[in-house]
Amino acid sequence: MHQVGPDQRTEVRVSASRAEPECPGPDGTIPGWTPEPAELSDVELLLDGAFGPLAGFLGAADVDSVRTRRRLLDGTPWPAPIVLPVPADLADAPRIELRDAEGAPVAVLRNDDPWSDGTTCFAAGELRAAADPAGALRRMRPPAAEVRADLPAGPVLGVVADAPLHHRELAQLRELAAEFDGHVLLLPRMTGPRPELLVQALLAARPQLPAGTAVVPVPLARRPDPKADAALAAQVAAAYGATHLVTADPVEDSPITVVAPPELVRDSADAWIRAERVEPGCGRGGLGAEELRARLDEGAPLPSWFTTPAIAEHQRRLHPPLAERGFTVLFTGLSGAGKSTLARALRDELSQHDHRAVTLLDGDVVRRTLCEGLGFSAADRSRNVRRIGFVASEVTRHGGAAICAPIAPYAADRDAVRRMVSDCGGFLLVHVATPLGECERRDRKGLYRKARAGALPEFTGVSAPYEPPTDADLALDTSGLSQDEAVARVVALLRERGWVRSWTSE
């Protein structure tokens, strides 16, 4: 493996194919790795030909060239690096089997040019399918070349969509299709906990669009840089056969023509028409993004002039009211701070008054069951918290309330739980900030005494670190609060965030 320096560049050209799937040899020596979901999405796009001309992860030279001049080393325009971080112990493996979240093989990477930026190791090289295509909505996702071949001749208006289309957006696409005498290609992003809901919403909108409108889901993960994200969306749309990209966002160096949606307003009959056809001051607008979100959060109905009943129902399924979604409360703090006591009291309060099923994931109980066999090393502590986070995210995903009470000493693990849960519901981090001295005074199990005596070498707060959260949604010092007061503060914050309603008994 080589490390990237300002004057050190090595060209790596990669190609991938779904032909001739590669499998581990008879000795099973190919190491396996499960990338993050966004990176697995890139794997699928590469194998499907949606990142053409790329078909594999880039090496150091191409990455450097893309970052400095938005071109591959051979001069081909390309907007953003497509890279694969791997653990250091896999960085020099000649081949790596890439697996999905269930452990099934997806692709084999010929790791011809591993590299490092000094902090993270990356694998790069030829990518080939390891099995027949699988994954969500796979029957709707043929390779890009097949989609292109099936499109009719003439202009194709590509739309990379991450939200349902309502009357205004549908009218804009009808106007553009008539103007260009073209067809519409909808490319819904497969992101979020239930990507099929967005696809269903767009299928429900298809009767409102020109005949022959195609819907092809794409696992295009959103990039944090809006410019790179918009440019990659244009690349994907072009790969699937679009000749034009319909977007209001600016796109630099797009491989296809970018078309802004026309400005439409509502007339007196609530029809959406071009603004220039309406007398000045007579046109009406629609729902802004914030107003739409507020209506959905509250469960308020969407007006008929805004959308159709069928699309509205899919929009509500995609974005249910806050009070109907699941949530997680993660208590963190030192041993003896009062986490378990508060978690049980909050469980009882919610079980008595709220409609959700409540799951308590207490640190001690989880260690005897879900995390049995884990020790107290830093790595095992992380595994313990992240396993709790995974279970909590599943509870949240299905509309329940997960109450978690591990020590959770490390900020990185708490952040990981927040990300897992926030993808599918609400999340509160509650720091039970009871001082160490008070925790030691309570010490009903004698743990602090043993730790001070050296009998417990990995004890948080004494012989192992605790990283106090700087991003807690609420901090509670139980040395100065009663149990009822502390629980009331948690419930009040849940109400403020919209996750629970007021109890009728109050």
Protein backbone atom coordinates (compact mmCIF):
# COMPACT_ATOMS: atom_id res chain seq x y z
CA MET A 1 0.00 0.00 0.00
CA HIS A 2 1.24 3.46 -0.77
CA GLN A 3 0.36 6.72 0.93
CA VAL A 4 -0.77 9.72 -1.06
CA GLY A 5 1.57 12.68 -1.01
CA PRO A 6 1.45 15.93 -2.97
CA ASP A 7 3.94 14.68 -5.56
CA GLN A 8 3.20 10.97 -5.44
CA ARG A 9 0.66 9.73 -7.97
CA THR A 10 0.17 6.28 -9.40
CA GLU A 11 -2.36 5.71 -12.15
CA VAL A 12 -5.05 3.12 -11.50
CA ARG A 13 -7.61 2.30 -14.16
CA VAL A 14 -10.41 0.04 -13.13
CA SER A 15 -13.12 -1.86 -14.89
CA ALA A 16 -15.89 -4.05 -13.66
CA SER A 17 -18.33 -6.48 -15.12
CA ARG A 18 -21.33 -8.53 -14.14
CA ALA A 19 -20.00 -11.24 -16.45
CA GLU A 20 -17.95 -14.11 -15.11
CA PRO A 21 -18.82 -13.77 -11.41
CA GLU A 22 -15.83 -14.31 -9.17
CA CYS A 23 -16.03 -16.58 -6.16
CA PRO A 24 -13.48 -17.46 -3.49
CA GLY A 25 -11.08 -20.23 -4.37
CA PRO A 26 -11.39 -23.72 -2.91
CA ASP A 27 -9.30 -22.74 0.07
CA GLY A 28 -11.67 -19.87 0.84
CA THR A 29 -8.83 -17.42 1.30
CA ILE A 30 -10.52 -14.25 0.03
CA PRO A 31 -11.15 -12.06 3.08
CA GLY A 32 -14.59 -10.54 3.41
CA TRP A 33 -15.69 -7.04 4.31
CA THR A 34 -19.13 -5.43 4.74
CA PRO A 35 -18.89 -1.76 3.72
CA GLU A 36 -21.15 0.96 5.07
CA PRO A 37 -24.58 1.24 3.40
CA ALA A 38 -23.55 4.24 1.27
CA GLU A 39 -20.49 2.37 0.01
CA LEU A 40 -22.58 -0.71 -0.76
CA SER A 41 -24.83 1.57 -2.79
CA ASP A 42 -21.77 2.63 -4.77
CA VAL A 43 -20.91 -1.04 -5.33
CA GLU A 44 -24.35 -1.67 -6.82
CA LEU A 45 -24.18 1.41 -9.04
CA LEU A 46 -20.74 0.39 -10.30
CA LEU A 47 -21.88 -3.14 -11.08
CA ASP A 48 -25.01 -1.82 -12.81
CA GLY A 49 -22.96 0.50 -15.02
CA ALA A 50 -24.63 3.56 -13.51
CA PHE A 51 -21.29 5.25 -12.78
CA GLY A 52 -20.02 4.85 -16.33
CA PRO A 53 -17.27 5.28 -17.45
CA LEU A 54 -16.26 4.12 -13.97
CA ALA A 55 -16.83 0.53 -13.01
CA GLY A 56 -14.71 0.22 -9.92
CA PHE A 57 -13.27 2.13 -6.97
CA LEU A 58 -10.64 4.71 -7.77
CA GLY A 59 -6.99 4.59 -6.91
CA ALA A 60 -4.90 7.39 -5.47
CA ALA A 61 -3.93 9.05 -8.75
CA ASP A 62 -7.48 9.29 -10.06
CA VAL A 63 -8.75 10.49 -6.69
CA ASP A 64 -6.17 13.26 -6.62
CA SER A 65 -6.97 14.23 -10.21
CA VAL A 66 -10.72 14.33 -9.55
CA ARG A 67 -10.28 16.46 -6.46
CA THR A 68 -8.01 18.99 -8.15
CA ARG A 69 -9.46 19.25 -11.66
CA ARG A 70 -12.73 17.24 -11.70
CA ARG A 71 -11.30 14.81 -14.23
CA LEU A 72 -9.86 11.33 -14.16
CA LEU A 73 -6.18 10.99 -14.86
CA ASP A 74 -6.90 10.20 -18.53
CA GLY A 75 -8.83 13.47 -18.91
CA THR A 76 -12.35 12.02 -18.68
CA PRO A 77 -14.63 14.44 -16.80
CA TRP A 78 -15.71 13.06 -13.43
CA PRO A 79 -17.20 15.05 -10.52
CA ALA A 80 -16.37 13.26 -7.27
CA PRO A 81 -14.12 10.49 -5.90
CA ILE A 82 -15.70 7.04 -5.66
CA VAL A 83 -13.63 5.33 -2.97
CA LEU A 84 -13.81 2.35 -0.62
CA PRO A 85 -12.45 2.69 2.93
CA VAL A 86 -11.35 -0.64 4.43
CA PRO A 87 -9.82 -1.74 7.74
CA ALA A 88 -6.04 -1.53 7.90
CA ASP A 89 -5.72 -5.32 8.16
CA LEU A 90 -7.46 -5.70 4.76
CA ALA A 91 -5.70 -2.86 2.99
CA ASP A 92 -3.05 -5.02 1.32
CA ALA A 93 -5.21 -8.05 0.56
CA PRO A 94 -4.95 -8.83 -3.17
CA ARG A 95 -8.70 -9.52 -3.37
CA ILE A 96 -11.55 -8.57 -1.05
CA GLU A 97 -15.03 -10.05 -1.08
CA LEU A 98 -17.57 -7.30 -0.49
CA ARG A 99 -20.65 -8.49 1.40
CA ASP A 100 -24.04 -7.03 2.17
CA ALA A 101 -25.45 -6.49 5.66
CA GLU A 102 -26.61 -10.11 5.80
CA GLY A 103 -23.13 -11.40 4.94
CA ALA A 104 -24.00 -12.48 1.40
CA PRO A 105 -21.27 -11.87 -1.23
CA VAL A 106 -21.98 -8.99 -3.61
CA ALA A 107 -18.70 -8.38 -5.43
CA VAL A 108 -15.01 -9.20 -5.46
CA LEU A 109 -12.54 -6.33 -5.62
CA ARG A 110 -9.14 -6.94 -7.16
CA ASN A 111 -7.21 -4.69 -4.84
CA ASP A 112 -4.51 -3.63 -7.32
CA ASP A 113 -3.65 -0.25 -5.83
CA PRO A 114 -4.39 0.14 -2.12
CA TRP A 115 -3.64 3.56 -0.73
CA SER A 116 -3.93 5.70 2.37
CA ASP A 117 -4.48 9.37 3.08
CA GLY A 118 -2.58 9.04 6.34
CA THR A 119 -5.70 8.39 8.38
CA THR A 120 -7.86 5.97 6.40
CA CYS A 121 -6.93 2.98 4.24
CA PHE A 122 -8.61 2.53 0.85
CA ALA A 123 -8.88 -0.39 -1.54
CA ALA A 124 -8.92 0.18 -5.30
CA GLY A 125 -9.04 -1.98 -8.38
CA GLU A 126 -11.19 -4.07 -10.67
CA LEU A 127 -14.68 -4.87 -9.37
CA ARG A 128 -16.62 -7.96 -10.44
CA ALA A 129 -19.91 -9.42 -9.35
CA ALA A 130 -19.67 -12.28 -6.88
CA ALA A 131 -23.25 -13.47 -7.36
CA ASP A 132 -26.41 -12.78 -9.31
CA PRO A 133 -27.81 -9.30 -8.63
CA ALA A 134 -29.88 -9.13 -5.46
CA GLY A 135 -31.07 -6.42 -3.10
CA ALA A 136 -34.22 -4.37 -2.66
CA LEU A 137 -36.51 -3.90 -5.69
CA ARG A 138 -33.98 -5.72 -7.87
CA ARG A 139 -36.55 -6.63 -10.53
CA MET A 140 -37.14 -2.92 -11.10
CA ARG A 141 -33.39 -2.24 -11.40
CA PRO A 142 -31.92 -3.71 -14.58
CA PRO A 143 -28.39 -2.66 -15.58
CA ALA A 144 -28.10 0.83 -17.01
CA ALA A 145 -27.38 -0.46 -20.51
CA GLU A 146 -30.68 -2.38 -20.58
CA VAL A 147 -32.62 0.69 -19.45
CA ARG A 148 -30.97 2.79 -22.18
CA ALA A 149 -31.76 0.19 -24.81
CA ASP A 150 -35.44 0.09 -23.85
CA LEU A 151 -35.98 3.85 -23.95
CA PRO A 152 -37.71 5.30 -27.02
CA ALA A 153 -35.87 7.54 -29.45
CA GLY A 154 -35.81 11.25 -28.79
CA PRO A 155 -35.31 13.45 -25.73
CA VAL A 156 -35.54 11.76 -22.32
CA LEU A 157 -36.12 13.97 -19.27
CA GLY A 158 -34.40 12.42 -16.26
CA VAL A 159 -35.57 13.19 -12.73
CA VAL A 160 -33.52 11.96 -9.76
CA ALA A 161 -36.21 12.11 -7.09
CA ASP A 162 -35.87 11.85 -3.32
CA ALA A 163 -39.43 12.94 -2.47
CA PRO A 164 -42.92 12.24 -3.84
CA LEU A 165 -44.17 14.33 -6.77
CA HIS A 166 -47.32 16.39 -6.23
CA HIS A 167 -49.56 18.40 -8.56
CA ARG A 168 -47.07 21.23 -9.12
CA GLU A 169 -44.09 18.96 -9.91
CA LEU A 170 -46.24 16.72 -12.11
CA ALA A 171 -47.51 19.72 -14.07
CA GLN A 172 -43.92 20.92 -14.53
CA LEU A 173 -42.90 17.57 -16.00
CA ARG A 174 -45.92 17.50 -18.31
CA GLU A 175 -45.04 21.00 -19.54
CA LEU A 176 -41.42 20.03 -20.21
CA ALA A 177 -42.34 16.76 -21.90
CA ALA A 178 -44.65 18.67 -24.26
CA GLU A 179 -42.04 21.37 -24.88
CA PHE A 180 -39.28 18.90 -25.74
CA ASP A 181 -41.59 16.25 -27.25
CA GLY A 182 -39.80 13.84 -24.93
CA HIS A 183 -40.29 11.05 -22.46
CA VAL A 184 -39.88 11.05 -18.67
CA LEU A 185 -37.47 8.81 -16.74
CA LEU A 186 -38.02 8.86 -12.98
CA LEU A 187 -35.01 7.69 -10.93
CA PRO A 188 -36.10 7.51 -7.27
CA ARG A 189 -33.22 7.40 -4.81
CA MET A 190 -33.24 4.27 -2.69
CA THR A 191 -32.31 5.92 0.59
CA GLY A 192 -33.72 5.86 4.09
CA PRO A 193 -35.05 2.96 6.15
CA ARG A 194 -37.86 2.04 3.70
CA PRO A 195 -36.87 3.07 0.18
CA GLU A 196 -39.77 1.14 -1.31
CA LEU A 197 -42.20 3.77 0.04
CA LEU A 198 -40.74 6.46 -2.20
CA VAL A 199 -40.86 4.14 -5.19
CA GLN A 200 -44.52 3.36 -4.47
CA ALA A 201 -45.28 7.08 -4.24
CA LEU A 202 -43.73 7.70 -7.65
CA LEU A 203 -45.55 4.74 -9.16
CA ALA A 204 -48.77 6.26 -7.84
CA ALA A 205 -47.86 9.49 -9.66
CA ARG A 206 -47.17 7.81 -12.99
CA PRO A 207 -50.80 8.02 -14.24
CA GLN A 208 -50.46 11.82 -13.99
CA LEU A 209 -47.41 11.82 -16.30
CA PRO A 210 -47.04 11.25 -20.06
CA ALA A 211 -47.58 7.73 -21.35
CA GLY A 212 -44.47 5.60 -21.29
CA THR A 213 -42.95 7.25 -18.23
CA ALA A 214 -40.35 4.83 -16.80
CA VAL A 215 -39.55 4.37 -13.11
CA VAL A 216 -36.13 2.88 -12.27
CA PRO A 217 -34.98 3.01 -8.62
CA VAL A 218 -31.30 3.84 -8.11
CA PRO A 219 -29.28 3.24 -4.91
CA LEU A 220 -27.66 6.67 -5.14
CA ALA A 221 -26.57 7.74 -1.65
CA ARG A 222 -26.65 11.47 -1.02
CA ARG A 223 -23.24 13.13 -0.76
CA PRO A 224 -22.58 15.75 1.92
CA ASP A 225 -21.27 18.18 -0.73
CA PRO A 226 -24.35 19.47 -2.65
CA LYS A 227 -22.30 20.25 -5.76
CA ALA A 228 -20.81 16.76 -5.91
CA ASP A 229 -24.21 15.24 -5.20
CA ALA A 230 -25.89 17.15 -8.04
CA ALA A 231 -23.07 16.29 -10.45
CA LEU A 232 -23.23 12.57 -9.59
CA ALA A 233 -27.01 12.63 -10.07
CA ALA A 234 -26.41 13.98 -13.58
CA GLN A 235 -23.89 11.20 -14.28
CA VAL A 236 -26.35 8.53 -13.14
CA ALA A 237 -29.21 10.00 -15.15
CA ALA A 238 -27.01 10.04 -18.25
CA ALA A 239 -25.92 6.44 -17.68
CA TYR A 240 -29.56 5.33 -17.64
CA GLY A 241 -30.28 7.12 -20.91
CA ALA A 242 -31.52 10.60 -19.97
CA THR A 243 -30.64 13.32 -22.44
CA HIS A 244 -31.75 16.09 -20.06
CA LEU A 245 -31.71 16.40 -16.27
CA VAL A 246 -34.65 18.23 -14.71
CA THR A 247 -33.49 20.03 -11.58
CA ALA A 248 -33.59 23.46 -10.00
CA ASP A 249 -30.11 22.91 -8.54
CA PRO A 250 -27.01 24.14 -10.35
CA VAL A 251 -24.92 21.32 -11.85
CA GLU A 252 -21.30 21.84 -12.83
CA ASP A 253 -19.88 19.98 -15.85
CA SER A 254 -23.03 17.95 -16.42
CA PRO A 255 -22.72 15.29 -19.16
CA ILE A 256 -26.29 16.07 -20.25
CA THR A 257 -28.35 19.23 -20.66
CA VAL A 258 -29.73 20.63 -17.41
CA VAL A 259 -33.28 21.98 -17.55
CA ALA A 260 -34.85 24.01 -14.76
CA PRO A 261 -38.53 23.30 -14.03
CA PRO A 262 -40.80 26.09 -15.31
CA GLU A 263 -42.31 28.50 -12.80
CA LEU A 264 -45.93 27.51 -12.20
CA VAL A 265 -48.68 29.09 -10.11
CA ARG A 266 -52.24 28.14 -9.25
CA ASP A 267 -55.04 29.89 -11.10
CA SER A 268 -58.53 30.52 -9.76
CA ALA A 269 -59.52 26.91 -10.54
CA ASP A 270 -56.49 25.51 -8.64
CA ALA A 271 -54.87 24.38 -11.88
CA TRP A 272 -51.09 24.71 -12.12
CA ILE A 273 -50.09 26.82 -15.13
CA ARG A 274 -47.09 28.86 -16.22
CA ALA A 275 -46.77 32.08 -14.28
CA GLU A 276 -46.66 34.23 -17.41
CA ARG A 277 -50.17 33.06 -18.37
CA VAL A 278 -51.71 34.47 -15.19
CA GLU A 279 -52.54 38.11 -14.57
CA PRO A 280 -50.04 39.74 -12.22
CA GLY A 281 -51.05 39.26 -8.61
CA CYS A 282 -53.67 36.61 -9.45
CA GLY A 283 -51.50 33.51 -9.17
CA ARG A 284 -51.29 31.52 -5.96
CA GLY A 285 -48.43 29.48 -4.63
CA GLY A 286 -48.26 26.06 -3.02
CA LEU A 287 -47.02 24.53 0.21
CA GLY A 288 -43.44 25.38 1.07
CA ALA A 289 -41.13 22.65 2.28
CA GLU A 290 -41.42 23.77 5.92
CA GLU A 291 -45.21 24.00 5.80
CA LEU A 292 -45.45 20.57 4.19
CA ARG A 293 -43.21 19.05 6.87
CA ALA A 294 -45.23 20.73 9.63
CA ARG A 295 -48.48 19.31 8.23
CA LEU A 296 -47.00 15.85 7.97
CA ASP A 297 -45.49 16.03 11.47
CA GLU A 298 -48.87 16.99 12.90
CA GLY A 299 -50.84 14.51 10.79
CA ALA A 300 -52.86 17.31 9.14
CA PRO A 301 -54.50 16.46 5.79
CA LEU A 302 -52.93 17.61 2.54
CA PRO A 303 -55.22 19.82 0.42
CA SER A 304 -56.64 18.44 -2.81
CA TRP A 305 -55.09 21.27 -4.83
CA PHE A 306 -51.67 20.11 -3.58
CA THR A 307 -51.77 16.39 -4.40
CA THR A 308 -53.96 13.42 -5.26
CA PRO A 309 -55.48 11.22 -2.53
CA ALA A 310 -53.33 8.26 -3.61
CA ILE A 311 -50.08 10.21 -3.53
CA ALA A 312 -51.09 11.83 -0.22
CA GLU A 313 -51.52 8.39 1.33
CA HIS A 314 -48.05 7.32 0.17
CA GLN A 315 -46.62 10.62 1.46
CA ARG A 316 -48.14 9.95 4.89
CA ARG A 317 -46.68 6.44 4.92
CA LEU A 318 -43.29 7.87 3.99
CA HIS A 319 -43.55 10.63 6.60
CA PRO A 320 -46.02 9.60 9.35
CA PRO A 321 -46.97 12.03 12.14
CA LEU A 322 -44.32 12.39 14.82
CA ALA A 323 -46.63 11.01 17.49
CA GLU A 324 -47.03 7.79 15.48
CA ARG A 325 -43.34 7.15 14.84
CA GLY A 326 -40.97 5.20 17.03
CA PHE A 327 -38.26 6.79 19.13
CA THR A 328 -35.30 5.90 21.32
CA VAL A 329 -34.14 7.44 24.58
CA LEU A 330 -30.49 6.65 25.33
CA PHE A 331 -29.45 7.30 28.94
CA THR A 332 -25.69 7.56 29.42
CA GLY A 333 -23.67 8.14 32.57
CA LEU A 334 -21.39 6.60 35.16
CA SER A 335 -22.23 3.45 37.10
CA GLY A 336 -24.54 4.45 39.93
CA ALA A 337 -25.66 7.67 38.24
CA GLY A 338 -29.29 6.50 38.18
CA LYS A 339 -29.67 5.48 34.55
CA SER A 340 -31.44 2.18 35.16
CA THR A 341 -33.77 3.69 37.75
CA LEU A 342 -34.80 6.49 35.40
CA ALA A 343 -35.11 4.12 32.44
CA ARG A 344 -37.48 1.85 34.36
CA ALA A 345 -39.51 4.81 35.59
CA LEU A 346 -39.76 6.23 32.07
CA ARG A 347 -40.81 2.82 30.76
CA ASP A 348 -43.57 2.66 33.35
CA GLU A 349 -44.74 6.18 32.54
CA LEU A 350 -44.87 5.53 28.80
CA SER A 351 -46.46 2.10 29.23
CA GLN A 352 -49.23 3.64 31.31
CA HIS A 353 -50.03 6.57 29.02
CA ASP A 354 -48.56 6.16 25.52
CA HIS A 355 -49.82 3.91 22.72
CA ARG A 356 -46.41 2.48 21.73
CA ALA A 357 -44.93 -0.80 22.84
CA VAL A 358 -41.97 0.02 25.09
CA THR A 359 -38.73 -1.99 25.12
CA LEU A 360 -36.24 -1.53 27.96
CA LEU A 361 -32.61 -2.25 27.10
CA ASP A 362 -30.82 -1.97 30.43
CA GLY A 363 -27.03 -2.21 30.35
CA ASP A 364 -26.67 -5.00 32.91
CA VAL A 365 -29.51 -7.07 31.46
CA VAL A 366 -28.23 -6.71 27.90
CA ARG A 367 -24.77 -7.89 28.93
CA ARG A 368 -26.28 -11.12 30.27
CA THR A 369 -28.27 -11.79 27.11
CA LEU A 370 -27.64 -9.97 23.83
CA CYS A 371 -24.01 -9.19 24.64
CA GLU A 372 -23.11 -12.27 26.68
CA GLY A 373 -19.41 -13.05 26.39
CA LEU A 374 -18.25 -9.49 25.86
CA GLY A 375 -15.66 -8.17 28.25
CA PHE A 376 -14.86 -4.62 29.29
CA SER A 377 -12.10 -3.70 26.86
CA ALA A 378 -12.64 -0.57 24.80
CA ALA A 379 -13.56 -2.69 21.78
CA ASP A 380 -16.06 -4.80 23.70
CA ARG A 381 -17.63 -1.72 25.28
CA SER A 382 -18.14 -0.33 21.78
CA ARG A 383 -19.66 -3.60 20.56
CA ASN A 384 -22.01 -3.64 23.53
CA VAL A 385 -23.34 -0.13 22.87
CA ARG A 386 -23.64 -0.59 19.12
CA ARG A 387 -25.55 -3.83 19.53
CA ILE A 388 -27.93 -2.02 21.83
CA GLY A 389 -28.20 0.71 19.21
CA PHE A 390 -29.03 -1.77 16.46
CA VAL A 391 -31.84 -3.34 18.51
CA ALA A 392 -33.13 0.12 19.48
CA SER A 393 -33.18 1.19 15.82
CA GLU A 394 -35.24 -1.89 14.91
CA VAL A 395 -37.69 -1.16 17.73
CA THR A 396 -37.89 2.44 16.53
CA ARG A 397 -38.28 1.42 12.89
CA HIS A 398 -41.39 -0.58 13.78
CA GLY A 399 -43.02 2.24 15.73
CA GLY A 400 -42.01 1.28 19.27
CA ALA A 401 -40.21 3.14 22.04
CA ALA A 402 -36.76 1.88 23.03
CA ILE A 403 -35.39 2.97 26.41
CA CYS A 404 -31.66 2.24 26.71
CA ALA A 405 -29.49 2.54 29.82
CA PRO A 406 -25.88 1.48 29.16
CA ILE A 407 -22.92 3.44 30.46
CA ALA A 408 -21.99 4.18 26.80
CA PRO A 409 -18.69 5.83 27.71
CA TYR A 410 -17.48 6.76 24.20
CA ALA A 411 -18.79 9.61 22.06
CA ALA A 412 -18.21 7.72 18.80
CA ASP A 413 -20.51 4.89 19.89
CA ARG A 414 -23.24 7.26 21.05
CA ASP A 415 -22.97 9.07 17.70
CA ALA A 416 -23.31 5.74 15.89
CA VAL A 417 -26.49 4.93 17.82
CA ARG A 418 -27.88 8.38 17.06
CA ARG A 419 -27.29 7.83 13.35
CA MET A 420 -28.83 4.35 13.35
CA VAL A 421 -31.96 5.51 15.15
CA SER A 422 -32.38 8.90 13.46
CA ASP A 423 -32.71 7.17 10.10
CA CYS A 424 -36.03 5.74 11.19
CA GLY A 425 -37.43 7.80 14.09
CA GLY A 426 -36.78 10.07 17.04
CA PHE A 427 -33.72 10.06 19.26
CA LEU A 428 -32.92 11.65 22.62
CA LEU A 429 -29.54 11.44 24.32
CA VAL A 430 -29.94 11.98 28.05
CA HIS A 431 -26.78 12.47 30.09
CA VAL A 432 -27.38 11.36 33.67
CA ALA A 433 -24.70 13.72 34.93
CA THR A 434 -24.62 12.65 38.56
CA PRO A 435 -21.16 13.54 39.98
CA LEU A 436 -18.62 10.77 40.49
CA GLY A 437 -18.55 11.32 44.23
CA GLU A 438 -22.29 10.79 44.51
CA CYS A 439 -22.09 7.68 42.33
CA GLU A 440 -19.39 6.27 44.63
CA ARG A 441 -21.44 7.10 47.70
CA ARG A 442 -24.39 5.11 46.36
CA ASP A 443 -22.26 2.11 45.18
CA ARG A 444 -24.65 -0.57 46.43
CA LYS A 445 -22.73 -3.26 44.50
CA GLY A 446 -19.36 -2.22 45.88
CA LEU A 447 -17.94 -1.79 42.38
CA TYR A 448 -16.16 1.49 42.99
CA ARG A 449 -14.52 0.10 46.10
CA LYS A 450 -13.22 -2.88 44.13
CA ALA A 451 -12.04 -0.60 41.32
CA ARG A 452 -10.16 1.66 43.74
CA ALA A 453 -8.53 -1.44 45.18
CA GLY A 454 -7.42 -2.57 41.74
CA ALA A 455 -9.74 -5.58 41.59
CA LEU A 456 -11.63 -4.14 38.59
CA PRO A 457 -8.98 -2.97 36.12
CA GLU A 458 -11.43 -1.69 33.45
CA PHE A 459 -13.97 0.28 35.46
CA THR A 460 -15.43 3.40 33.89
CA GLY A 461 -14.68 6.59 35.77
CA VAL A 462 -11.83 5.05 37.77
CA SER A 463 -9.57 2.88 35.61
CA ALA A 464 -11.30 3.37 32.24
CA PRO A 465 -12.34 6.66 30.60
CA TYR A 466 -15.78 8.20 30.32
CA GLU A 467 -16.27 10.86 27.64
CA PRO A 468 -19.01 13.21 28.89
CA PRO A 469 -21.34 14.07 26.02
CA THR A 470 -21.24 17.57 24.59
CA ASP A 471 -24.29 16.93 22.42
CA ALA A 472 -26.78 15.62 24.99
CA ASP A 473 -30.37 16.65 24.41
CA LEU A 474 -30.88 16.75 28.17
CA ALA A 475 -28.62 16.58 31.24
CA LEU A 476 -29.95 15.34 34.59
CA ASP A 477 -28.13 15.37 37.92
CA THR A 478 -30.02 12.91 40.08
CA SER A 479 -28.23 14.11 43.20
CA GLY A 480 -30.45 17.18 43.05
CA LEU A 481 -33.56 15.81 41.32
CA SER A 482 -36.20 13.37 42.45
CA GLN A 483 -37.02 10.45 40.20
CA ASP A 484 -40.40 11.96 39.30
CA GLU A 485 -38.82 15.33 38.46
CA ALA A 486 -36.20 13.73 36.25
CA VAL A 487 -38.70 11.58 34.35
CA ALA A 488 -41.00 14.57 33.95
CA ARG A 489 -38.18 16.47 32.25
CA VAL A 490 -37.60 13.63 29.79
CA VAL A 491 -41.31 13.39 29.00
CA ALA A 492 -41.53 17.17 28.60
CA LEU A 493 -38.73 17.07 26.02
CA LEU A 494 -40.39 14.20 24.16
CA ARG A 495 -43.55 16.33 24.00
CA GLU A 496 -41.63 19.39 22.89
CA ARG A 497 -40.10 17.38 20.04
CA GLY A 498 -43.55 16.07 19.09
CA TRP A 499 -42.91 12.39 19.79
CA VAL A 500 -45.56 12.01 22.51
CA ARG A 501 -48.82 13.77 23.25
CA SER A 502 -50.01 15.05 26.63
CA TRP A 503 -51.55 12.53 28.99
CA THR A 504 -55.25 13.03 29.63
CA SER A 505 -54.73 12.26 33.34
CA GLU A 506 -52.66 15.41 33.90
